[in-house]
PDB file of N, CA and C in Angstrom:
ATOM      1  N   MET A   1     -14.716 -13.613 -11.782  1.00  0.00           N
ATOM      2  CA  MET A   1     -14.971 -12.390 -11.008  1.00  0.00           C
ATOM      3  C   MET A   1     -15.081 -12.341  -9.535  1.00  0.00           C
ATOM      4  N   MET A   2     -14.901 -11.078  -8.613  1.00  0.00           N
ATOM      5  CA  MET A   2     -15.201 -11.435  -7.143  1.00  0.00           C
ATOM      6  C   MET A   2     -16.286 -10.681  -7.077  1.00  0.00           C
ATOM      7  N   THR A   3     -17.274 -11.063  -6.334  1.00  0.00           N
ATOM      8  CA  THR A   3     -18.335 -10.454  -5.723  1.00  0.00           C
ATOM      9  C   THR A   3     -17.290  -9.246  -4.539  1.00  0.00           C
ATOM     10  N   PRO A   4     -18.260  -8.023  -3.752  1.00  0.00           N
ATOM     11  CA  PRO A   4     -17.628  -6.940  -3.088  1.00  0.00           C
ATOM     12  C   PRO A   4     -17.158  -7.356  -2.024  1.00  0.00           C
ATOM     13  N   PHE A   5     -17.178  -9.148  -1.419  1.00  0.00           N
ATOM     14  CA  PHE A   5     -16.948  -9.179  -0.183  1.00  0.00           C
ATOM     15  C   PHE A   5     -15.825 -10.409  -0.691  1.00  0.00           C
ATOM     16  N   GLU A   6     -15.402 -10.412  -1.621  1.00  0.00           N
ATOM     17  CA  GLU A   6     -14.560 -11.282  -2.063  1.00  0.00           C
ATOM     18  C   GLU A   6     -12.679 -10.467  -1.962  1.00  0.00           C
ATOM     19  N   PHE A   7     -11.859 -11.239  -1.209  1.00  0.00           N
ATOM     20  CA  PHE A   7     -10.401 -10.450  -1.767  1.00  0.00           C
ATOM     21  C   PHE A   7      -9.182 -11.182  -2.323  1.00  0.00           C
ATOM     22  N   ASP A   8      -8.629 -10.684  -2.936  1.00  0.00           N
ATOM     23  CA  ASP A   8      -7.747 -10.907  -3.832  1.00  0.00           C
ATOM     24  C   ASP A   8      -6.057 -10.528  -3.387  1.00  0.00           C
ATOM     25  N   ASP A   9      -5.325 -11.733  -2.762  1.00  0.00           N
ATOM     26  CA  ASP A   9      -4.268 -10.979  -2.016  1.00  0.00           C
ATOM     27  C   ASP A   9      -3.346 -10.263  -2.864  1.00  0.00           C
ATOM     28  N   GLN A  10      -3.716 -10.429  -4.790  1.00  0.00           N
ATOM     29  CA  GLN A  10      -2.630  -9.660  -5.461  1.00  0.00           C
ATOM     30  C   GLN A  10      -3.278  -8.292  -6.000  1.00  0.00           C
ATOM     31  N   MET A  11      -3.706  -8.193  -4.583  1.00  0.00           N
ATOM     32  CA  MET A  11      -4.331  -6.521  -4.622  1.00  0.00           C
ATOM     33  C   MET A  11      -3.283  -6.182  -3.929  1.00  0.00           C
ATOM     34  N   VAL A  12      -2.656  -6.667  -3.107  1.00  0.00           N
ATOM     35  CA  VAL A  12      -1.664  -6.169  -2.145  1.00  0.00           C
ATOM     36  C   VAL A  12      -0.393  -6.938  -2.605  1.00  0.00           C
ATOM     37  N   SER A  13      -0.148  -7.747  -3.533  1.00  0.00           N
ATOM     38  CA  SER A  13       1.436  -7.855  -3.459  1.00  0.00           C
ATOM     39  C   SER A  13       2.084  -6.840  -4.298  1.00  0.00           C
ATOM     40  N   ARG A  14       3.587  -7.095  -4.278  1.00  0.00           N
ATOM     41  CA  ARG A  14       4.640  -5.877  -4.414  1.00  0.00           C
ATOM     42  C   ARG A  14       4.244  -5.369  -5.330  1.00  0.00           C
ATOM     43  N   ASP A  15       3.911  -6.232  -6.819  1.00  0.00           N
ATOM     44  CA  ASP A  15       4.008  -5.222  -7.797  1.00  0.00           C
ATOM     45  C   ASP A  15       2.567  -4.377  -8.238  1.00  0.00           C
ATOM     46  N   ALA A  16       1.726  -5.062  -7.037  1.00  0.00           N
ATOM     47  CA  ALA A  16       0.330  -4.109  -7.283  1.00  0.00           C
ATOM     48  C   ALA A  16       0.766  -2.868  -6.567  1.00  0.00           C
ATOM     49  N   ILE A  17       0.973  -2.884  -5.703  1.00  0.00           N
ATOM     50  CA  ILE A  17       1.447  -2.036  -4.677  1.00  0.00           C
ATOM     51  C   ILE A  17       2.288  -0.666  -5.007  1.00  0.00           C
ATOM     52  N   VAL A  18       3.559  -1.279  -6.232  1.00  0.00           N
ATOM     53  CA  VAL A  18       4.583  -0.317  -6.763  1.00  0.00           C
ATOM     54  C   VAL A  18       3.509   0.507  -8.066  1.00  0.00           C
ATOM     55  N   ASP A  19       2.612  -0.580  -8.739  1.00  0.00           N
ATOM     56  CA  ASP A  19       1.374  -0.311  -9.715  1.00  0.00           C
ATOM     57  C   ASP A  19       0.586   1.350  -8.807  1.00  0.00           C
ATOM     58  N   ARG A  20      -0.052   0.885  -7.741  1.00  0.00           N
ATOM     59  CA  ARG A  20      -1.304   1.667  -7.333  1.00  0.00           C
ATOM     60  C   ARG A  20      -0.390   2.978  -6.471  1.00  0.00           C
ATOM     61  N   LEU A  21       1.081   2.827  -6.549  1.00  0.00           N
ATOM     62  CA  LEU A  21       1.380   4.059  -5.930  1.00  0.00           C
ATOM     63  C   LEU A  21       1.967   5.314  -7.167  1.00  0.00           C
ATOM     64  N   ARG A  22       2.507   4.370  -8.094  1.00  0.00           N
ATOM     65  CA  ARG A  22       3.260   5.083  -9.450  1.00  0.00           C
ATOM     66  C   ARG A  22       2.677   6.287  -9.580  1.00  0.00           C
ATOM     67  N   LYS A  23       1.605   7.134  -9.485  1.00  0.00           N
ATOM     68  CA  LYS A  23       1.296   8.445  -9.523  1.00  0.00           C
ATOM     69  C   LYS A  23       2.019   9.235  -8.421  1.00  0.00           C
ATOM     70  N   TYR A  24       2.222   8.585  -7.560  1.00  0.00           N
ATOM     71  CA  TYR A  24       2.598   9.426  -5.886  1.00  0.00           C
ATOM     72  C   TYR A  24       4.202   9.579  -6.360  1.00  0.00           C
ATOM     73  N   GLY A  25       4.485  11.103  -6.113  1.00  0.00           N
ATOM     74  CA  GLY A  25       6.269  11.505  -6.443  1.00  0.00           C
ATOM     75  C   GLY A  25       6.875  11.936  -4.780  1.00  0.00           C
ATOM     76  N   PHE A  26       6.158  11.451  -3.737  1.00  0.00           N
ATOM     77  CA  PHE A  26       6.446  11.679  -2.323  1.00  0.00           C
ATOM     78  C   PHE A  26       7.765  10.935  -1.982  1.00  0.00           C
ATOM     79  N   ILE A  27       8.916  11.461  -1.531  1.00  0.00           N
ATOM     80  CA  ILE A  27       9.838  11.019  -0.544  1.00  0.00           C
ATOM     81  C   ILE A  27       9.393   9.728   0.057  1.00  0.00           C
ATOM     82  N   GLU A  28       8.537   9.691   0.961  1.00  0.00           N
ATOM     83  CA  GLU A  28       7.869   8.258   1.823  1.00  0.00           C
ATOM     84  C   GLU A  28       7.519   6.989   0.802  1.00  0.00           C
ATOM     85  N   ILE A  29       7.143   7.272  -0.551  1.00  0.00           N
ATOM     86  CA  ILE A  29       6.315   6.917  -1.757  1.00  0.00           C
ATOM     87  C   ILE A  29       7.783   6.112  -2.283  1.00  0.00           C
ATOM     88  N   ALA A  30       8.891   6.927  -2.136  1.00  0.00           N
ATOM     89  CA  ALA A  30      10.349   6.458  -3.001  1.00  0.00           C
ATOM     90  C   ALA A  30      10.853   5.516  -2.089  1.00  0.00           C
ATOM     91  N   THR A  31      10.569   5.942  -0.863  1.00  0.00           N
ATOM     92  CA  THR A  31      11.218   5.056   0.409  1.00  0.00           C
ATOM     93  C   THR A  31      10.445   3.289   0.220  1.00  0.00           C
ATOM     94  N   LEU A  32       9.357   3.345   0.075  1.00  0.00           N
ATOM     95  CA  LEU A  32       8.619   2.238   0.112  1.00  0.00           C
ATOM     96  C   LEU A  32       8.853   1.693  -1.082  1.00  0.00           C
ATOM     97  N   ASN A  33       8.877   2.494  -2.279  1.00  0.00           N
ATOM     98  CA  ASN A  33       9.199   1.468  -3.411  1.00  0.00           C
ATOM     99  C   ASN A  33      10.425   0.413  -2.927  1.00  0.00           C
ATOM    100  N   HIS A  34      11.901   1.242  -2.963  1.00  0.00           N
ATOM    101  CA  HIS A  34      13.029   0.542  -2.205  1.00  0.00           C
ATOM    102  C   HIS A  34      13.053  -0.709  -1.464  1.00  0.00           C
ATOM    103  N   PHE A  35      12.369  -0.097  -0.661  1.00  0.00           N
ATOM    104  CA  PHE A  35      11.981  -1.145   0.557  1.00  0.00           C
ATOM    105  C   PHE A  35      11.103  -2.700  -0.107  1.00  0.00           C
ATOM    106  N   LEU A  36      10.030  -2.316  -1.436  1.00  0.00           N
ATOM    107  CA  LEU A  36       9.380  -3.213  -1.483  1.00  0.00           C
ATOM    108  C   LEU A  36      10.581  -4.068  -2.702  1.00  0.00           C
ATOM    109  N   TYR A  37      11.206  -3.453  -3.119  1.00  0.00           N
ATOM    110  CA  TYR A  37      12.023  -3.955  -4.486  1.00  0.00           C
ATOM    111  C   TYR A  37      13.358  -5.021  -3.688  1.00  0.00           C
ATOM    112  N   PHE A  38      13.402  -4.418  -3.057  1.00  0.00           N
ATOM    113  CA  PHE A  38      14.798  -4.851  -1.871  1.00  0.00           C
ATOM    114  C   PHE A  38      14.766  -5.880  -0.808  1.00  0.00           C
ATOM    115  N   PHE A  39      13.334  -5.530  -0.520  1.00  0.00           N
ATOM    116  CA  PHE A  39      13.624  -6.510   0.936  1.00  0.00           C
ATOM    117  C   PHE A  39      12.159  -7.144   1.135  1.00  0.00           C
ATOM    118  N   CYS A  40      11.101  -7.294   0.093  1.00  0.00           N
ATOM    119  CA  CYS A  40       9.862  -7.734   0.207  1.00  0.00           C
ATOM    120  C   CYS A  40       9.619  -9.172  -0.943  1.00  0.00           C
ATOM    121  N   GLY A  41       9.283 -10.173  -0.584  1.00  0.00           N
ATOM    122  CA  GLY A  41       8.822 -10.627  -1.424  1.00  0.00           C
ATOM    123  C   GLY A  41       7.382 -10.501  -2.490  1.00  0.00           C
ATOM    124  N   ILE A  42       7.560 -11.492  -3.180  1.00  0.00           N
ATOM    125  CA  ILE A  42       6.417 -11.202  -4.035  1.00  0.00           C
ATOM    126  C   ILE A  42       5.031 -10.731  -3.601  1.00  0.00           C
ATOM    127  N   VAL A  43       4.378 -11.589  -2.125  1.00  0.00           N
ATOM    128  CA  VAL A  43       3.605 -10.870  -1.648  1.00  0.00           C
ATOM    129  C   VAL A  43       4.008 -10.698   0.023  1.00  0.00           C
ATOM    130  N   PRO A  44       4.156  -9.760   0.302  1.00  0.00           N
ATOM    131  CA  PRO A  44       5.073  -9.489   1.449  1.00  0.00           C
ATOM    132  C   PRO A  44       4.367 -10.114   2.898  1.00  0.00           C
ATOM    133  N   ASP A  45       5.119 -10.358   3.749  1.00  0.00           N
ATOM    134  CA  ASP A  45       4.563 -11.139   5.022  1.00  0.00           C
ATOM    135  C   ASP A  45       4.190  -9.906   5.978  1.00  0.00           C
ATOM    136  N   ARG A  46       3.616 -10.470   6.804  1.00  0.00           N
ATOM    137  CA  ARG A  46       2.956  -9.703   7.976  1.00  0.00           C
ATOM    138  C   ARG A  46       3.956  -8.240   8.336  1.00  0.00           C
ATOM    139  N   ALA A  47       5.059  -8.330   8.668  1.00  0.00           N
ATOM    140  CA  ALA A  47       5.910  -7.480   8.847  1.00  0.00           C
ATOM    141  C   ALA A  47       6.419  -6.657   8.002  1.00  0.00           C
ATOM    142  N   SER A  48       6.238  -7.326   6.672  1.00  0.00           N
ATOM    143  CA  SER A  48       6.160  -5.901   5.848  1.00  0.00           C
ATOM    144  C   SER A  48       5.285  -5.405   5.526  1.00  0.00           C
ATOM    145  N   TYR A  49       4.305  -5.899   5.655  1.00  0.00           N
ATOM    146  CA  TYR A  49       2.769  -4.818   5.626  1.00  0.00           C
ATOM    147  C   TYR A  49       2.819  -4.117   6.653  1.00  0.00           C
ATOM    148  N   LEU A  50       3.327  -4.328   7.707  1.00  0.00           N
ATOM    149  CA  LEU A  50       2.966  -3.425   9.049  1.00  0.00           C
ATOM    150  C   LEU A  50       3.953  -1.878   8.224  1.00  0.00           C
ATOM    151  N   TYR A  51       5.132  -2.400   7.684  1.00  0.00           N
ATOM    152  CA  TYR A  51       6.078  -1.427   7.933  1.00  0.00           C
ATOM    153  C   TYR A  51       5.164  -0.118   6.648  1.00  0.00           C
ATOM    154  N   ILE A  52       4.961  -1.050   5.219  1.00  0.00           N
ATOM    155  CA  ILE A  52       4.427  -0.084   4.338  1.00  0.00           C
ATOM    156  C   ILE A  52       3.326   0.561   4.615  1.00  0.00           C
ATOM    157  N   LYS A  53       2.575   0.285   5.587  1.00  0.00           N
ATOM    158  CA  LYS A  53       1.331   0.825   6.517  1.00  0.00           C
ATOM    159  C   LYS A  53       1.446   1.732   7.162  1.00  0.00           C
ATOM    160  N   GLU A  54       2.773   2.119   7.855  1.00  0.00           N
ATOM    161  CA  GLU A  54       3.174   2.996   8.248  1.00  0.00           C
ATOM    162  C   GLU A  54       3.675   3.681   7.594  1.00  0.00           C
ATOM    163  N   LYS A  55       4.928   3.596   6.449  1.00  0.00           N
ATOM    164  CA  LYS A  55       5.174   4.362   5.318  1.00  0.00           C
ATOM    165  C   LYS A  55       4.039   5.257   4.780  1.00  0.00           C
ATOM    166  N   LEU A  56       2.945   4.187   4.351  1.00  0.00           N
ATOM    167  CA  LEU A  56       1.461   5.047   3.893  1.00  0.00           C
ATOM    168  C   LEU A  56       0.968   5.958   4.643  1.00  0.00           C
ATOM    169  N   GLN A  57       1.019   5.875   5.909  1.00  0.00           N
ATOM    170  CA  GLN A  57       0.421   6.647   7.037  1.00  0.00           C
ATOM    171  C   GLN A  57       1.685   7.731   7.372  1.00  0.00           C
ATOM    172  N   GLU A  58       2.499   7.551   6.893  1.00  0.00           N
ATOM    173  CA  GLU A  58       3.648   8.793   7.784  1.00  0.00           C
ATOM    174  C   GLU A  58       3.164   9.801   6.405  1.00  0.00           C
ATOM    175  N   CYS A  59       3.415   9.147   4.781  1.00  0.00           N
ATOM    176  CA  CYS A  59       2.712  10.100   3.865  1.00  0.00           C
ATOM    177  C   CYS A  59       1.465  10.710   4.376  1.00  0.00           C
ATOM    178  N   LEU A  60       0.312  10.376   4.223  1.00  0.00           N
ATOM    179  CA  LEU A  60      -0.500  10.679   4.352  1.00  0.00           C
ATOM    180  C   LEU A  60      -0.839  11.714   6.012  1.00  0.00           C
ATOM    181  N   ASP A  61       0.140  11.602   6.535  1.00  0.00           N
ATOM    182  CA  ASP A  61       0.120  12.395   7.723  1.00  0.00           C
ATOM    183  C   ASP A  61       0.191  13.854   7.366  1.00  0.00           C
ATOM    184  N   ILE A  62       1.723  13.810   6.318  1.00  0.00           N
ATOM    185  CA  ILE A  62       2.475  14.917   5.822  1.00  0.00           C
ATOM    186  C   ILE A  62       1.911  15.677   4.736  1.00  0.00           C
ATOM    187  N   HIS A  63       1.326  15.082   3.853  1.00  0.00           N
ATOM    188  CA  HIS A  63       0.801  15.340   2.568  1.00  0.00           C
ATOM    189  C   HIS A  63      -0.421  15.205   2.279  1.00  0.00           C
ATOM    190  N   ASN A  64      -1.760  15.115   2.909  1.00  0.00           N
ATOM    191  CA  ASN A  64      -2.871  14.579   2.690  1.00  0.00           C
ATOM    192  C   ASN A  64      -3.701  15.859   3.073  1.00  0.00           C
ATOM    193  N   ASN A  65      -4.269  16.478   1.944  1.00  0.00           N
ATOM    194  CA  ASN A  65      -4.946  17.853   2.036  1.00  0.00           C
ATOM    195  C   ASN A  65      -6.448  17.249   2.296  1.00  0.00           C
ATOM    196  N   GLY A  66      -7.007  16.130   1.753  1.00  0.00           N
ATOM    197  CA  GLY A  66      -8.317  15.571   2.036  1.00  0.00           C
ATOM    198  C   GLY A  66      -8.661  15.365   0.748  1.00  0.00           C
ATOM    199  N   SER A  67      -7.665  15.930  -0.402  1.00  0.00           N
ATOM    200  CA  SER A  67      -8.277  15.425  -1.805  1.00  0.00           C
ATOM    201  C   SER A  67      -8.644  14.252  -2.337  1.00  0.00           C
ATOM    202  N   ASP A  68      -9.618  14.019  -3.830  1.00  0.00           N
ATOM    203  CA  ASP A  68      -9.275  12.750  -3.941  1.00  0.00           C
ATOM    204  C   ASP A  68      -7.754  12.377  -4.476  1.00  0.00           C
ATOM    205  N   TYR A  69      -7.292  12.803  -4.552  1.00  0.00           N
ATOM    206  CA  TYR A  69      -5.867  12.855  -4.980  1.00  0.00           C
ATOM    207  C   TYR A  69      -5.499  11.635  -4.241  1.00  0.00           C
ATOM    208  N   PHE A  70      -5.400  11.328  -3.485  1.00  0.00           N
ATOM    209  CA  PHE A  70      -5.029  10.106  -1.805  1.00  0.00           C
ATOM    210  C   PHE A  70      -5.943   9.503  -1.391  1.00  0.00           C
ATOM    211  N   LEU A  71      -7.055   8.868  -2.760  1.00  0.00           N
ATOM    212  CA  LEU A  71      -7.832   8.166  -2.200  1.00  0.00           C
ATOM    213  C   LEU A  71      -7.117   6.279  -2.432  1.00  0.00           C
ATOM    214  N   GLU A  72      -6.216   6.877  -3.477  1.00  0.00           N
ATOM    215  CA  GLU A  72      -5.720   5.216  -3.755  1.00  0.00           C
ATOM    216  C   GLU A  72      -4.610   5.029  -2.477  1.00  0.00           C
ATOM    217  N   ILE A  73      -4.074   5.674  -1.544  1.00  0.00           N
ATOM    218  CA  ILE A  73      -3.324   5.666  -0.729  1.00  0.00           C
ATOM    219  C   ILE A  73      -4.224   5.138   0.473  1.00  0.00           C
ATOM    220  N   HIS A  74      -5.585   6.135   0.479  1.00  0.00           N
ATOM    221  CA  HIS A  74      -6.163   5.665   1.556  1.00  0.00           C
ATOM    222  C   HIS A  74      -6.534   3.718   1.349  1.00  0.00           C
ATOM    223  N   ARG A  75      -7.432   3.485   0.572  1.00  0.00           N
ATOM    224  CA  ARG A  75      -7.624   2.066  -0.435  1.00  0.00           C
ATOM    225  C   ARG A  75      -6.907   1.197   0.061  1.00  0.00           C
ATOM    226  N   LEU A  76      -5.608   1.512  -0.172  1.00  0.00           N
ATOM    227  CA  LEU A  76      -4.513   0.657  -0.317  1.00  0.00           C
ATOM    228  C   LEU A  76      -3.956   0.631   1.523  1.00  0.00           C
ATOM    229  N   VAL A  77      -3.961   1.469   2.194  1.00  0.00           N
ATOM    230  CA  VAL A  77      -4.278   1.704   3.429  1.00  0.00           C
ATOM    231  C   VAL A  77      -4.997   0.282   4.201  1.00  0.00           C
ATOM    232  N   GLN A  78      -6.525   0.490   3.841  1.00  0.00           N
ATOM    233  CA  GLN A  78      -7.941  -0.614   3.848  1.00  0.00           C
ATOM    234  C   GLN A  78      -7.255  -1.861   3.303  1.00  0.00           C
ATOM    235  N   ASP A  79      -6.960  -1.915   2.477  1.00  0.00           N
ATOM    236  CA  ASP A  79      -6.435  -3.395   1.569  1.00  0.00           C
ATOM    237  C   ASP A  79      -5.223  -4.049   2.463  1.00  0.00           C
ATOM    238  N   ILE A  80      -4.081  -3.357   3.168  1.00  0.00           N
ATOM    239  CA  ILE A  80      -3.649  -3.902   3.831  1.00  0.00           C
ATOM    240  C   ILE A  80      -3.499  -4.688   5.045  1.00  0.00           C
ATOM    241  N   ASP A  81      -4.964  -3.732   5.501  1.00  0.00           N
ATOM    242  CA  ASP A  81      -5.648  -4.002   7.061  1.00  0.00           C
ATOM    243  C   ASP A  81      -6.317  -5.192   7.039  1.00  0.00           C
ATOM    244  N   TYR A  82      -6.710  -5.175   6.015  1.00  0.00           N
ATOM    245  CA  TYR A  82      -7.644  -6.363   5.629  1.00  0.00           C
ATOM    246  C   TYR A  82      -6.819  -7.406   5.944  1.00  0.00           C
ATOM    247  N   ALA A  83      -5.852  -7.603   4.657  1.00  0.00           N
ATOM    248  CA  ALA A  83      -5.186  -8.749   4.331  1.00  0.00           C
ATOM    249  C   ALA A  83      -4.407  -8.880   5.917  1.00  0.00           C
ATOM    250  N   MET A  84      -3.923  -8.115   6.576  1.00  0.00           N
ATOM    251  CA  MET A  84      -3.493  -8.687   7.466  1.00  0.00           C
ATOM    252  C   MET A  84      -4.345  -9.371   8.941  1.00  0.00           C
ATOM    253  N   SER A  85      -5.540  -9.275   8.608  1.00  0.00           N
ATOM    254  CA  SER A  85      -6.499  -9.710   9.634  1.00  0.00           C
ATOM    255  C   SER A  85      -6.890 -11.392   9.329  1.00  0.00           C
ATOM    256  N   ILE A  86      -6.733 -11.364   7.684  1.00  0.00           N
ATOM    257  CA  ILE A  86      -7.217 -13.113   7.503  1.00  0.00           C
ATOM    258  C   ILE A  86      -6.091 -13.808   7.355  1.00  0.00           C
TER     259      ILE A  86
END
């Protein structure tokens, strides 16, 4: 069991990212899914994380209306930031 301060890199694995974004039907997410399946390993490298983060931010910049619907994307951006920092 993880404590609140532990980080599991499986939270930002390719498959976990796809699962976390499954409910979103935006073109930026579709583009990101193609990237994840065709260009990423099971655990993306730093360059891939940068691209993923940029696409997520692009999606938020275009579509985010401040509703809770976008919380998972915000959380994923934070998780990717953290994964890149360790």
